[in-house]
Amino acid sequence: MSGNKLLLDTNVVLSVLGSPKIFPALEGKEIFISFITELELYSYLALKTEEEKNIGFFLGKATIIDITKDIKAKAILIRKKYKLKLPDAIICASAMSKNLVLVTNDKQFKKVFDITVSTLDKI
């Protein structure tokens, strides 16, 4: 898969954090994360101190995309068009606004044709 600018969905970040073997697949790539993913990662109720440190380390190497007027407008359109949950629509809109490849394990994103969607094993 071509593309060096990737927006990682929460499930992919969890895979990366759970398996250091995945890190080489991300070498040379510019990594972006939606603020939604940041919130999901840090708000896990059973999060241990060591896991929180690992999340912080990983996110320190990524660019966090915060909400903007453009992302809000795109998220509304995507939510209505594809009937996605609001957090997923925001993640899609974030990828769209920055022209990023969305890397996810979530099959529902396959129906979104407004962005390029890939899986971790194809990058």
PDB file of N, CA and C in Angstrom:
ATOM      1  N   MET A   1       0.848  -1.175   0.000  1.00  0.00           N
ATOM      2  CA  MET A   1       0.000   0.000   0.000  1.00  0.00           C
ATOM      3  C   MET A   1       0.883   1.224   0.000  1.00  0.00           C
ATOM      4  N   SER A   2       0.607   2.142  -0.875  1.00  0.00           N
ATOM      5  CA  SER A   2       1.394   3.369  -0.898  1.00  0.00           C
ATOM      6  C   SER A   2       0.817   4.351   0.098  1.00  0.00           C
ATOM      7  N   GLY A   3       1.608   5.286   0.457  1.00  0.00           N
ATOM      8  CA  GLY A   3       1.171   6.301   1.400  1.00  0.00           C
ATOM      9  C   GLY A   3       2.006   6.260   2.652  1.00  0.00           C
ATOM     10  N   ASN A   4       2.655   7.357   2.937  1.00  0.00           N
ATOM     11  CA  ASN A   4       3.488   7.430   4.126  1.00  0.00           C
ATOM     12  C   ASN A   4       2.835   8.204   5.248  1.00  0.00           C
ATOM     13  N   LYS A   5       1.638   8.743   5.001  1.00  0.00           N
ATOM     14  CA  LYS A   5       0.922   9.492   6.023  1.00  0.00           C
ATOM     15  C   LYS A   5      -0.309   8.692   6.422  1.00  0.00           C
ATOM     16  N   LEU A   6      -0.299   8.198   7.652  1.00  0.00           N
ATOM     17  CA  LEU A   6      -1.331   7.277   8.109  1.00  0.00           C
ATOM     18  C   LEU A   6      -2.050   7.813   9.336  1.00  0.00           C
ATOM     19  N   LEU A   7      -3.359   7.677   9.338  1.00  0.00           N
ATOM     20  CA  LEU A   7      -4.141   7.938  10.536  1.00  0.00           C
ATOM     21  C   LEU A   7      -4.521   6.572  11.104  1.00  0.00           C
ATOM     22  N   LEU A   8      -4.054   6.280  12.300  1.00  0.00           N
ATOM     23  CA  LEU A   8      -4.318   4.980  12.915  1.00  0.00           C
ATOM     24  C   LEU A   8      -5.580   5.041  13.753  1.00  0.00           C
ATOM     25  N   ASP A   9      -6.484   4.099  13.503  1.00  0.00           N
ATOM     26  CA  ASP A   9      -7.693   3.959  14.298  1.00  0.00           C
ATOM     27  C   ASP A   9      -7.308   3.367  15.657  1.00  0.00           C
ATOM     28  N   THR A  10      -8.186   3.504  16.620  1.00  0.00           N
ATOM     29  CA  THR A  10      -7.913   3.042  17.982  1.00  0.00           C
ATOM     30  C   THR A  10      -7.546   1.565  18.018  1.00  0.00           C
ATOM     31  N   ASN A  11      -8.272   0.734  17.264  1.00  0.00           N
ATOM     32  CA  ASN A  11      -7.985  -0.702  17.308  1.00  0.00           C
ATOM     33  C   ASN A  11      -6.595  -1.028  16.780  1.00  0.00           C
ATOM     34  N   VAL A  12      -6.084  -0.241  15.856  1.00  0.00           N
ATOM     35  CA  VAL A  12      -4.739  -0.448  15.332  1.00  0.00           C
ATOM     36  C   VAL A  12      -3.702  -0.005  16.360  1.00  0.00           C
ATOM     37  N   VAL A  13      -3.940   1.106  17.014  1.00  0.00           N
ATOM     38  CA  VAL A  13      -3.013   1.552  18.058  1.00  0.00           C
ATOM     39  C   VAL A  13      -2.931   0.497  19.158  1.00  0.00           C
ATOM     40  N   LEU A  14      -4.061  -0.081  19.528  1.00  0.00           N
ATOM     41  CA  LEU A  14      -4.049  -1.133  20.547  1.00  0.00           C
ATOM     42  C   LEU A  14      -3.239  -2.344  20.074  1.00  0.00           C
ATOM     43  N   SER A  15      -3.342  -2.690  18.803  1.00  0.00           N
ATOM     44  CA  SER A  15      -2.546  -3.788  18.245  1.00  0.00           C
ATOM     45  C   SER A  15      -1.057  -3.470  18.305  1.00  0.00           C
ATOM     46  N   VAL A  16      -0.715  -2.246  17.948  1.00  0.00           N
ATOM     47  CA  VAL A  16       0.687  -1.820  17.973  1.00  0.00           C
ATOM     48  C   VAL A  16       1.226  -1.860  19.396  1.00  0.00           C
ATOM     49  N   LEU A  17       0.449  -1.335  20.341  1.00  0.00           N
ATOM     50  CA  LEU A  17       0.885  -1.328  21.735  1.00  0.00           C
ATOM     51  C   LEU A  17       1.003  -2.742  22.294  1.00  0.00           C
ATOM     52  N   GLY A  18       0.179  -3.652  21.794  1.00  0.00           N
ATOM     53  CA  GLY A  18       0.178  -5.029  22.280  1.00  0.00           C
ATOM     54  C   GLY A  18       1.248  -5.904  21.661  1.00  0.00           C
ATOM     55  N   SER A  19       1.854  -5.439  20.560  1.00  0.00           N
ATOM     56  CA  SER A  19       2.859  -6.252  19.887  1.00  0.00           C
ATOM     57  C   SER A  19       3.966  -5.376  19.308  1.00  0.00           C
ATOM     58  N   PRO A  20       5.100  -5.292  19.993  1.00  0.00           N
ATOM     59  CA  PRO A  20       6.216  -4.475  19.494  1.00  0.00           C
ATOM     60  C   PRO A  20       6.714  -4.914  18.114  1.00  0.00           C
ATOM     61  N   LYS A  21       6.371  -6.121  17.687  1.00  0.00           N
ATOM     62  CA  LYS A  21       6.789  -6.606  16.363  1.00  0.00           C
ATOM     63  C   LYS A  21       6.171  -5.771  15.248  1.00  0.00           C
ATOM     64  N   ILE A  22       5.104  -5.064  15.552  1.00  0.00           N
ATOM     65  CA  ILE A  22       4.404  -4.274  14.535  1.00  0.00           C
ATOM     66  C   ILE A  22       5.136  -2.962  14.242  1.00  0.00           C
ATOM     67  N   PHE A  23       5.917  -2.471  15.188  1.00  0.00           N
ATOM     68  CA  PHE A  23       6.594  -1.182  15.018  1.00  0.00           C
ATOM     69  C   PHE A  23       7.363  -1.067  13.702  1.00  0.00           C
ATOM     70  N   PRO A  24       8.093  -2.097  13.253  1.00  0.00           N
ATOM     71  CA  PRO A  24       8.819  -1.953  11.979  1.00  0.00           C
ATOM     72  C   PRO A  24       7.916  -1.624  10.784  1.00  0.00           C
ATOM     73  N   ALA A  25       6.671  -2.073  10.802  1.00  0.00           N
ATOM     74  CA  ALA A  25       5.744  -1.766   9.702  1.00  0.00           C
ATOM     75  C   ALA A  25       5.453  -0.274   9.621  1.00  0.00           C
ATOM     76  N   LEU A  26       5.658   0.433  10.719  1.00  0.00           N
ATOM     77  CA  LEU A  26       5.383   1.867  10.769  1.00  0.00           C
ATOM     78  C   LEU A  26       6.625   2.723  10.528  1.00  0.00           C
ATOM     79  N   GLU A  27       7.786   2.077  10.394  1.00  0.00           N
ATOM     80  CA  GLU A  27       9.036   2.811  10.162  1.00  0.00           C
ATOM     81  C   GLU A  27       8.916   3.623   8.876  1.00  0.00           C
ATOM     82  N   GLY A  28       9.356   4.853   8.934  1.00  0.00           N
ATOM     83  CA  GLY A  28       9.332   5.721   7.758  1.00  0.00           C
ATOM     84  C   GLY A  28       7.965   6.300   7.442  1.00  0.00           C
ATOM     85  N   LYS A  29       6.997   6.016   8.273  1.00  0.00           N
ATOM     86  CA  LYS A  29       5.638   6.533   8.069  1.00  0.00           C
ATOM     87  C   LYS A  29       5.402   7.711   9.007  1.00  0.00           C
ATOM     88  N   GLU A  30       4.603   8.650   8.553  1.00  0.00           N
ATOM     89  CA  GLU A  30       4.181   9.754   9.396  1.00  0.00           C
ATOM     90  C   GLU A  30       2.851   9.350  10.017  1.00  0.00           C
ATOM     91  N   ILE A  31       2.803   9.262  11.338  1.00  0.00           N
ATOM     92  CA  ILE A  31       1.651   8.723  12.046  1.00  0.00           C
ATOM     93  C   ILE A  31       0.803   9.856  12.621  1.00  0.00           C
ATOM     94  N   PHE A  32      -0.496   9.747  12.381  1.00  0.00           N
ATOM     95  CA  PHE A  32      -1.472  10.689  12.905  1.00  0.00           C
ATOM     96  C   PHE A  32      -2.497   9.904  13.711  1.00  0.00           C
ATOM     97  N   ILE A  33      -3.059  10.554  14.712  1.00  0.00           N
ATOM     98  CA  ILE A  33      -4.084   9.968  15.573  1.00  0.00           C
ATOM     99  C   ILE A  33      -5.167  11.028  15.766  1.00  0.00           C
ATOM    100  N   SER A  34      -6.413  10.620  15.687  1.00  0.00           N
ATOM    101  CA  SER A  34      -7.504  11.537  16.011  1.00  0.00           C
ATOM    102  C   SER A  34      -7.553  11.750  17.520  1.00  0.00           C
ATOM    103  N   PHE A  35      -7.997  12.917  17.924  1.00  0.00           N
ATOM    104  CA  PHE A  35      -8.183  13.167  19.357  1.00  0.00           C
ATOM    105  C   PHE A  35      -9.167  12.157  19.946  1.00  0.00           C
ATOM    106  N   ILE A  36     -10.050  11.624  19.116  1.00  0.00           N
ATOM    107  CA  ILE A  36     -11.003  10.594  19.569  1.00  0.00           C
ATOM    108  C   ILE A  36     -10.230   9.360  20.045  1.00  0.00           C
ATOM    109  N   THR A  37      -9.243   8.937  19.281  1.00  0.00           N
ATOM    110  CA  THR A  37      -8.429   7.786  19.663  1.00  0.00           C
ATOM    111  C   THR A  37      -7.670   8.070  20.950  1.00  0.00           C
ATOM    112  N   GLU A  38      -7.129   9.269  21.064  1.00  0.00           N
ATOM    113  CA  GLU A  38      -6.428   9.646  22.288  1.00  0.00           C
ATOM    114  C   GLU A  38      -7.364   9.517  23.492  1.00  0.00           C
ATOM    115  N   LEU A  39      -8.586  10.039  23.368  1.00  0.00           N
ATOM    116  CA  LEU A  39      -9.559   9.945  24.458  1.00  0.00           C
ATOM    117  C   LEU A  39      -9.914   8.496  24.767  1.00  0.00           C
ATOM    118  N   GLU A  40     -10.133   7.696  23.729  1.00  0.00           N
ATOM    119  CA  GLU A  40     -10.495   6.289  23.939  1.00  0.00           C
ATOM    120  C   GLU A  40      -9.374   5.540  24.652  1.00  0.00           C
ATOM    121  N   LEU A  41      -8.142   5.790  24.262  1.00  0.00           N
ATOM    122  CA  LEU A  41      -7.017   5.084  24.875  1.00  0.00           C
ATOM    123  C   LEU A  41      -6.854   5.439  26.353  1.00  0.00           C
ATOM    124  N   TYR A  42      -6.891   6.714  26.662  1.00  0.00           N
ATOM    125  CA  TYR A  42      -6.657   7.156  28.039  1.00  0.00           C
ATOM    126  C   TYR A  42      -7.858   6.952  28.966  1.00  0.00           C
ATOM    127  N   SER A  43      -9.052   6.759  28.410  1.00  0.00           N
ATOM    128  CA  SER A  43     -10.230   6.637  29.262  1.00  0.00           C
ATOM    129  C   SER A  43     -10.620   5.194  29.577  1.00  0.00           C
ATOM    130  N   TYR A  44      -9.810   4.240  29.148  1.00  0.00           N
ATOM    131  CA  TYR A  44     -10.081   2.843  29.483  1.00  0.00           C
ATOM    132  C   TYR A  44     -10.050   2.691  31.001  1.00  0.00           C
ATOM    133  N   LEU A  45     -11.107   2.159  31.569  1.00  0.00           N
ATOM    134  CA  LEU A  45     -11.276   2.133  33.024  1.00  0.00           C
ATOM    135  C   LEU A  45     -10.222   1.318  33.765  1.00  0.00           C
ATOM    136  N   ALA A  46      -9.765   0.225  33.183  1.00  0.00           N
ATOM    137  CA  ALA A  46      -8.804  -0.639  33.875  1.00  0.00           C
ATOM    138  C   ALA A  46      -7.364  -0.347  33.460  1.00  0.00           C
ATOM    139  N   LEU A  47      -7.096   0.856  32.973  1.00  0.00           N
ATOM    140  CA  LEU A  47      -5.767   1.229  32.490  1.00  0.00           C
ATOM    141  C   LEU A  47      -4.759   1.238  33.641  1.00  0.00           C
ATOM    142  N   LYS A  48      -3.667   0.513  33.444  1.00  0.00           N
ATOM    143  CA  LYS A  48      -2.608   0.452  34.452  1.00  0.00           C
ATOM    144  C   LYS A  48      -1.581   1.548  34.162  1.00  0.00           C
ATOM    145  N   THR A  49      -0.812   1.896  35.175  1.00  0.00           N
ATOM    146  CA  THR A  49       0.181   2.966  35.057  1.00  0.00           C
ATOM    147  C   THR A  49       1.169   2.684  33.925  1.00  0.00           C
ATOM    148  N   GLU A  50       1.647   1.465  33.823  1.00  0.00           N
ATOM    149  CA  GLU A  50       2.615   1.101  32.773  1.00  0.00           C
ATOM    150  C   GLU A  50       1.978   1.229  31.386  1.00  0.00           C
ATOM    151  N   GLU A  51       0.723   0.825  31.259  1.00  0.00           N
ATOM    152  CA  GLU A  51       0.024   0.951  29.981  1.00  0.00           C
ATOM    153  C   GLU A  51      -0.153   2.427  29.606  1.00  0.00           C
ATOM    154  N   GLU A  52      -0.463   3.244  30.601  1.00  0.00           N
ATOM    155  CA  GLU A  52      -0.620   4.676  30.360  1.00  0.00           C
ATOM    156  C   GLU A  52       0.701   5.294  29.877  1.00  0.00           C
ATOM    157  N   LYS A  53       1.811   4.852  30.454  1.00  0.00           N
ATOM    158  CA  LYS A  53       3.127   5.326  30.017  1.00  0.00           C
ATOM    159  C   LYS A  53       3.393   4.915  28.570  1.00  0.00           C
ATOM    160  N   ASN A  54       3.062   3.674  28.225  1.00  0.00           N
ATOM    161  CA  ASN A  54       3.262   3.183  26.859  1.00  0.00           C
ATOM    162  C   ASN A  54       2.415   3.968  25.862  1.00  0.00           C
ATOM    163  N   ILE A  55       1.191   4.275  26.249  1.00  0.00           N
ATOM    164  CA  ILE A  55       0.320   5.083  25.389  1.00  0.00           C
ATOM    165  C   ILE A  55       0.946   6.465  25.189  1.00  0.00           C
ATOM    166  N   GLY A  56       1.387   7.066  26.270  1.00  0.00           N
ATOM    167  CA  GLY A  56       2.010   8.382  26.177  1.00  0.00           C
ATOM    168  C   GLY A  56       3.243   8.380  25.297  1.00  0.00           C
ATOM    169  N   PHE A  57       4.057   7.341  25.416  1.00  0.00           N
ATOM    170  CA  PHE A  57       5.257   7.213  24.584  1.00  0.00           C
ATOM    171  C   PHE A  57       4.878   7.117  23.111  1.00  0.00           C
ATOM    172  N   PHE A  58       3.912   6.256  22.810  1.00  0.00           N
ATOM    173  CA  PHE A  58       3.494   6.071  21.413  1.00  0.00           C
ATOM    174  C   PHE A  58       2.877   7.350  20.858  1.00  0.00           C
ATOM    175  N   LEU A  59       1.972   7.952  21.600  1.00  0.00           N
ATOM    176  CA  LEU A  59       1.317   9.163  21.116  1.00  0.00           C
ATOM    177  C   LEU A  59       2.289  10.331  20.995  1.00  0.00           C
ATOM    178  N   GLY A  60       3.369  10.292  21.757  1.00  0.00           N
ATOM    179  CA  GLY A  60       4.397  11.312  21.643  1.00  0.00           C
ATOM    180  C   GLY A  60       5.094  11.300  20.292  1.00  0.00           C
ATOM    181  N   LYS A  61       5.010  10.178  19.603  1.00  0.00           N
ATOM    182  CA  LYS A  61       5.621  10.042  18.284  1.00  0.00           C
ATOM    183  C   LYS A  61       4.621  10.322  17.157  1.00  0.00           C
ATOM    184  N   ALA A  62       3.375  10.572  17.521  1.00  0.00           N
ATOM    185  CA  ALA A  62       2.311  10.794  16.533  1.00  0.00           C
ATOM    186  C   ALA A  62       1.850  12.246  16.590  1.00  0.00           C
ATOM    187  N   THR A  63       1.196  12.653  15.525  1.00  0.00           N
ATOM    188  CA  THR A  63       0.550  13.958  15.492  1.00  0.00           C
ATOM    189  C   THR A  63      -0.917  13.756  15.833  1.00  0.00           C
ATOM    190  N   ILE A  64      -1.384  14.457  16.855  1.00  0.00           N
ATOM    191  CA  ILE A  64      -2.790  14.360  17.261  1.00  0.00           C
ATOM    192  C   ILE A  64      -3.582  15.394  16.474  1.00  0.00           C
ATOM    193  N   ILE A  65      -4.645  14.941  15.832  1.00  0.00           N
ATOM    194  CA  ILE A  65      -5.511  15.844  15.067  1.00  0.00           C
ATOM    195  C   ILE A  65      -6.700  16.224  15.940  1.00  0.00           C
ATOM    196  N   ASP A  66      -6.783  17.492  16.279  1.00  0.00           N
ATOM    197  CA  ASP A  66      -7.906  17.998  17.068  1.00  0.00           C
ATOM    198  C   ASP A  66      -9.062  18.384  16.149  1.00  0.00           C
ATOM    199  N   ILE A  67     -10.194  18.625  16.748  1.00  0.00           N
ATOM    200  CA  ILE A  67     -11.399  18.984  15.990  1.00  0.00           C
ATOM    201  C   ILE A  67     -11.236  20.392  15.408  1.00  0.00           C
ATOM    202  N   THR A  68     -11.713  20.549  14.184  1.00  0.00           N
ATOM    203  CA  THR A  68     -11.733  21.850  13.509  1.00  0.00           C
ATOM    204  C   THR A  68     -13.111  22.020  12.882  1.00  0.00           C
ATOM    205  N   LYS A  69     -13.390  23.203  12.394  1.00  0.00           N
ATOM    206  CA  LYS A  69     -14.675  23.420  11.704  1.00  0.00           C
ATOM    207  C   LYS A  69     -14.789  22.507  10.496  1.00  0.00           C
ATOM    208  N   ASP A  70     -13.689  22.340   9.761  1.00  0.00           N
ATOM    209  CA  ASP A  70     -13.688  21.477   8.574  1.00  0.00           C
ATOM    210  C   ASP A  70     -13.994  20.024   8.956  1.00  0.00           C
ATOM    211  N   ILE A  71     -13.349  19.544  10.005  1.00  0.00           N
ATOM    212  CA  ILE A  71     -13.585  18.164  10.451  1.00  0.00           C
ATOM    213  C   ILE A  71     -15.023  17.996  10.932  1.00  0.00           C
ATOM    214  N   LYS A  72     -15.549  18.992  11.633  1.00  0.00           N
ATOM    215  CA  LYS A  72     -16.952  18.926  12.077  1.00  0.00           C
ATOM    216  C   LYS A  72     -17.891  18.789  10.888  1.00  0.00           C
ATOM    217  N   ALA A  73     -17.695  19.628   9.886  1.00  0.00           N
ATOM    218  CA  ALA A  73     -18.573  19.603   8.708  1.00  0.00           C
ATOM    219  C   ALA A  73     -18.471  18.272   7.976  1.00  0.00           C
ATOM    220  N   LYS A  74     -17.251  17.779   7.809  1.00  0.00           N
ATOM    221  CA  LYS A  74     -17.058  16.494   7.124  1.00  0.00           C
ATOM    222  C   LYS A  74     -17.646  15.336   7.937  1.00  0.00           C
ATOM    223  N   ALA A  75     -17.496  15.392   9.260  1.00  0.00           N
ATOM    224  CA  ALA A  75     -18.024  14.329  10.123  1.00  0.00           C
ATOM    225  C   ALA A  75     -19.541  14.248  10.020  1.00  0.00           C
ATOM    226  N   ILE A  76     -20.191  15.385   9.958  1.00  0.00           N
ATOM    227  CA  ILE A  76     -21.656  15.400   9.815  1.00  0.00           C
ATOM    228  C   ILE A  76     -22.061  14.741   8.503  1.00  0.00           C
ATOM    229  N   LEU A  77     -21.386  15.113   7.425  1.00  0.00           N
ATOM    230  CA  LEU A  77     -21.708  14.522   6.112  1.00  0.00           C
ATOM    231  C   LEU A  77     -21.446  13.021   6.089  1.00  0.00           C
ATOM    232  N   ILE A  78     -20.310  12.611   6.635  1.00  0.00           N
ATOM    233  CA  ILE A  78     -19.960  11.187   6.649  1.00  0.00           C
ATOM    234  C   ILE A  78     -20.936  10.399   7.510  1.00  0.00           C
ATOM    235  N   ARG A  79     -21.286  10.928   8.666  1.00  0.00           N
ATOM    236  CA  ARG A  79     -22.231  10.237   9.556  1.00  0.00           C
ATOM    237  C   ARG A  79     -23.562  10.015   8.863  1.00  0.00           C
ATOM    238  N   LYS A  80     -24.051  11.053   8.188  1.00  0.00           N
ATOM    239  CA  LYS A  80     -25.335  10.939   7.492  1.00  0.00           C
ATOM    240  C   LYS A  80     -25.242   9.995   6.294  1.00  0.00           C
ATOM    241  N   LYS A  81     -24.175  10.110   5.530  1.00  0.00           N
ATOM    242  CA  LYS A  81     -24.026   9.321   4.298  1.00  0.00           C
ATOM    243  C   LYS A  81     -23.817   7.831   4.582  1.00  0.00           C
ATOM    244  N   TYR A  82     -22.978   7.515   5.579  1.00  0.00           N
ATOM    245  CA  TYR A  82     -22.602   6.124   5.835  1.00  0.00           C
ATOM    246  C   TYR A  82     -23.191   5.535   7.117  1.00  0.00           C
ATOM    247  N   LYS A  83     -23.931   6.354   7.861  1.00  0.00           N
ATOM    248  CA  LYS A  83     -24.572   5.904   9.100  1.00  0.00           C
ATOM    249  C   LYS A  83     -23.564   5.326  10.106  1.00  0.00           C
ATOM    250  N   LEU A  84     -22.433   5.999  10.232  1.00  0.00           N
ATOM    251  CA  LEU A  84     -21.409   5.594  11.183  1.00  0.00           C
ATOM    252  C   LEU A  84     -21.707   6.200  12.555  1.00  0.00           C
ATOM    253  N   LYS A  85     -21.159   5.602  13.585  1.00  0.00           N
ATOM    254  CA  LYS A  85     -21.219   6.204  14.916  1.00  0.00           C
ATOM    255  C   LYS A  85     -20.419   7.501  14.851  1.00  0.00           C
ATOM    256  N   LEU A  86     -20.797   8.456  15.675  1.00  0.00           N
ATOM    257  CA  LEU A  86     -20.159   9.769  15.632  1.00  0.00           C
ATOM    258  C   LEU A  86     -18.637   9.709  15.801  1.00  0.00           C
ATOM    259  N   PRO A  87     -18.092   8.958  16.774  1.00  0.00           N
ATOM    260  CA  PRO A  87     -16.620   8.911  16.883  1.00  0.00           C
ATOM    261  C   PRO A  87     -15.955   8.392  15.602  1.00  0.00           C
ATOM    262  N   ASP A  88     -16.559   7.385  14.974  1.00  0.00           N
ATOM    263  CA  ASP A  88     -16.005   6.847  13.732  1.00  0.00           C
ATOM    264  C   ASP A  88     -16.104   7.863  12.594  1.00  0.00           C
ATOM    265  N   ALA A  89     -17.178   8.597  12.552  1.00  0.00           N
ATOM    266  CA  ALA A  89     -17.333   9.638  11.529  1.00  0.00           C
ATOM    267  C   ALA A  89     -16.281  10.725  11.721  1.00  0.00           C
ATOM    268  N   ILE A  90     -15.979  11.072  12.963  1.00  0.00           N
ATOM    269  CA  ILE A  90     -14.953  12.078  13.236  1.00  0.00           C
ATOM    270  C   ILE A  90     -13.582  11.561  12.812  1.00  0.00           C
ATOM    271  N   ILE A  91     -13.293  10.311  13.075  1.00  0.00           N
ATOM    272  CA  ILE A  91     -12.017   9.722  12.659  1.00  0.00           C
ATOM    273  C   ILE A  91     -11.901   9.739  11.136  1.00  0.00           C
ATOM    274  N   CYS A  92     -12.960   9.349  10.444  1.00  0.00           N
ATOM    275  CA  CYS A  92     -12.959   9.411   8.969  1.00  0.00           C
ATOM    276  C   CYS A  92     -12.762  10.836   8.474  1.00  0.00           C
ATOM    277  N   ALA A  93     -13.460  11.767   9.067  1.00  0.00           N
ATOM    278  CA  ALA A  93     -13.362  13.171   8.660  1.00  0.00           C
ATOM    279  C   ALA A  93     -11.958  13.705   8.906  1.00  0.00           C
ATOM    280  N   SER A  94     -11.316  13.245   9.969  1.00  0.00           N
ATOM    281  CA  SER A  94      -9.941  13.662  10.251  1.00  0.00           C
ATOM    282  C   SER A  94      -8.999  13.162   9.158  1.00  0.00           C
ATOM    283  N   ALA A  95      -9.170  11.910   8.762  1.00  0.00           N
ATOM    284  CA  ALA A  95      -8.347  11.359   7.671  1.00  0.00           C
ATOM    285  C   ALA A  95      -8.609  12.117   6.370  1.00  0.00           C
ATOM    286  N   MET A  96      -9.868  12.397   6.109  1.00  0.00           N
ATOM    287  CA  MET A  96     -10.235  13.102   4.883  1.00  0.00           C
ATOM    288  C   MET A  96      -9.652  14.510   4.861  1.00  0.00           C
ATOM    289  N   SER A  97      -9.738  15.202   5.981  1.00  0.00           N
ATOM    290  CA  SER A  97      -9.294  16.606   6.016  1.00  0.00           C
ATOM    291  C   SER A  97      -7.792  16.754   5.803  1.00  0.00           C
ATOM    292  N   LYS A  98      -7.021  15.739   6.154  1.00  0.00           N
ATOM    293  CA  LYS A  98      -5.560  15.791   6.017  1.00  0.00           C
ATOM    294  C   LYS A  98      -5.055  14.913   4.867  1.00  0.00           C
ATOM    295  N   ASN A  99      -5.993  14.318   4.116  1.00  0.00           N
ATOM    296  CA  ASN A  99      -5.648  13.425   2.998  1.00  0.00           C
ATOM    297  C   ASN A  99      -4.737  12.281   3.464  1.00  0.00           C
ATOM    298  N   LEU A 100      -5.185  11.591   4.518  1.00  0.00           N
ATOM    299  CA  LEU A 100      -4.426  10.504   5.116  1.00  0.00           C
ATOM    300  C   LEU A 100      -5.074   9.163   4.810  1.00  0.00           C
ATOM    301  N   VAL A 101      -4.275   8.117   4.817  1.00  0.00           N
ATOM    302  CA  VAL A 101      -4.794   6.755   4.721  1.00  0.00           C
ATOM    303  C   VAL A 101      -5.260   6.354   6.117  1.00  0.00           C
ATOM    304  N   LEU A 102      -6.504   5.922   6.238  1.00  0.00           N
ATOM    305  CA  LEU A 102      -7.030   5.445   7.518  1.00  0.00           C
ATOM    306  C   LEU A 102      -6.684   3.965   7.663  1.00  0.00           C
ATOM    307  N   VAL A 103      -5.935   3.636   8.694  1.00  0.00           N
ATOM    308  CA  VAL A 103      -5.548   2.256   8.949  1.00  0.00           C
ATOM    309  C   VAL A 103      -6.407   1.755  10.101  1.00  0.00           C
ATOM    310  N   THR A 104      -7.193   0.709   9.821  1.00  0.00           N
ATOM    311  CA  THR A 104      -8.159   0.208  10.796  1.00  0.00           C
ATOM    312  C   THR A 104      -8.393  -1.280  10.602  1.00  0.00           C
ATOM    313  N   ASN A 105      -8.862  -1.920  11.655  1.00  0.00           N
ATOM    314  CA  ASN A 105      -9.323  -3.307  11.580  1.00  0.00           C
ATOM    315  C   ASN A 105     -10.845  -3.369  11.565  1.00  0.00           C
ATOM    316  N   ASP A 106     -11.474  -2.225  11.603  1.00  0.00           N
ATOM    317  CA  ASP A 106     -12.927  -2.130  11.671  1.00  0.00           C
ATOM    318  C   ASP A 106     -13.525  -2.278  10.272  1.00  0.00           C
ATOM    319  N   LYS A 107     -14.269  -3.341  10.060  1.00  0.00           N
ATOM    320  CA  LYS A 107     -14.822  -3.649   8.736  1.00  0.00           C
ATOM    321  C   LYS A 107     -15.853  -2.629   8.250  1.00  0.00           C
ATOM    322  N   GLN A 108     -16.480  -1.907   9.158  1.00  0.00           N
ATOM    323  CA  GLN A 108     -17.502  -0.948   8.737  1.00  0.00           C
ATOM    324  C   GLN A 108     -16.917   0.173   7.883  1.00  0.00           C
ATOM    325  N   PHE A 109     -15.618   0.434   8.009  1.00  0.00           N
ATOM    326  CA  PHE A 109     -14.998   1.498   7.235  1.00  0.00           C
ATOM    327  C   PHE A 109     -14.823   1.131   5.760  1.00  0.00           C
ATOM    328  N   LYS A 110     -14.975  -0.153   5.434  1.00  0.00           N
ATOM    329  CA  LYS A 110     -14.863  -0.571   4.030  1.00  0.00           C
ATOM    330  C   LYS A 110     -15.924   0.076   3.146  1.00  0.00           C
ATOM    331  N   LYS A 111     -17.043   0.464   3.739  1.00  0.00           N
ATOM    332  CA  LYS A 111     -18.122   1.070   2.970  1.00  0.00           C
ATOM    333  C   LYS A 111     -17.901   2.564   2.715  1.00  0.00           C
ATOM    334  N   VAL A 112     -16.863   3.142   3.336  1.00  0.00           N
ATOM    335  CA  VAL A 112     -16.577   4.569   3.164  1.00  0.00           C
ATOM    336  C   VAL A 112     -15.672   4.745   1.954  1.00  0.00           C
ATOM    337  N   PHE A 113     -16.206   5.372   0.919  1.00  0.00           N
ATOM    338  CA  PHE A 113     -15.458   5.531  -0.325  1.00  0.00           C
ATOM    339  C   PHE A 113     -14.830   6.912  -0.468  1.00  0.00           C
ATOM    340  N   ASP A 114     -15.029   7.777   0.512  1.00  0.00           N
ATOM    341  CA  ASP A 114     -14.501   9.135   0.442  1.00  0.00           C
ATOM    342  C   ASP A 114     -13.048   9.238   0.898  1.00  0.00           C
ATOM    343  N   ILE A 115     -12.516   8.164   1.468  1.00  0.00           N
ATOM    344  CA  ILE A 115     -11.137   8.140   1.942  1.00  0.00           C
ATOM    345  C   ILE A 115     -10.501   6.820   1.545  1.00  0.00           C
ATOM    346  N   THR A 116      -9.175   6.766   1.659  1.00  0.00           N
ATOM    347  CA  THR A 116      -8.457   5.503   1.442  1.00  0.00           C
ATOM    348  C   THR A 116      -8.381   4.783   2.777  1.00  0.00           C
ATOM    349  N   VAL A 117      -8.835   3.537   2.802  1.00  0.00           N
ATOM    350  CA  VAL A 117      -8.846   2.732   4.012  1.00  0.00           C
ATOM    351  C   VAL A 117      -7.952   1.524   3.785  1.00  0.00           C
ATOM    352  N   SER A 118      -7.135   1.198   4.778  1.00  0.00           N
ATOM    353  CA  SER A 118      -6.260   0.038   4.690  1.00  0.00           C
ATOM    354  C   SER A 118      -6.237  -0.670   6.032  1.00  0.00           C
ATOM    355  N   THR A 119      -5.590  -1.806   6.043  1.00  0.00           N
ATOM    356  CA  THR A 119      -5.393  -2.550   7.288  1.00  0.00           C
ATOM    357  C   THR A 119      -3.898  -2.542   7.600  1.00  0.00           C
ATOM    358  N   LEU A 120      -3.576  -2.844   8.820  1.00  0.00           N
ATOM    359  CA  LEU A 120      -2.180  -2.807   9.270  1.00  0.00           C
ATOM    360  C   LEU A 120      -1.297  -3.745   8.450  1.00  0.00           C
ATOM    361  N   ASP A 121      -1.809  -4.899   8.089  1.00  0.00           N
ATOM    362  CA  ASP A 121      -0.996  -5.867   7.336  1.00  0.00           C
ATOM    363  C   ASP A 121      -0.760  -5.453   5.881  1.00  0.00           C
ATOM    364  N   LYS A 122      -1.430  -4.425   5.423  1.00  0.00           N
ATOM    365  CA  LYS A 122      -1.265  -3.993   4.020  1.00  0.00           C
ATOM    366  C   LYS A 122      -0.469  -2.695   3.865  1.00  0.00           C
ATOM    367  N   ILE A 123       0.010  -2.154   4.967  1.00  0.00           N
ATOM    368  CA  ILE A 123       0.791  -0.905   4.841  1.00  0.00           C
ATOM    369  C   ILE A 123       2.279  -1.209   4.704  1.00  0.00           C
TER     370      ILE A 123
END
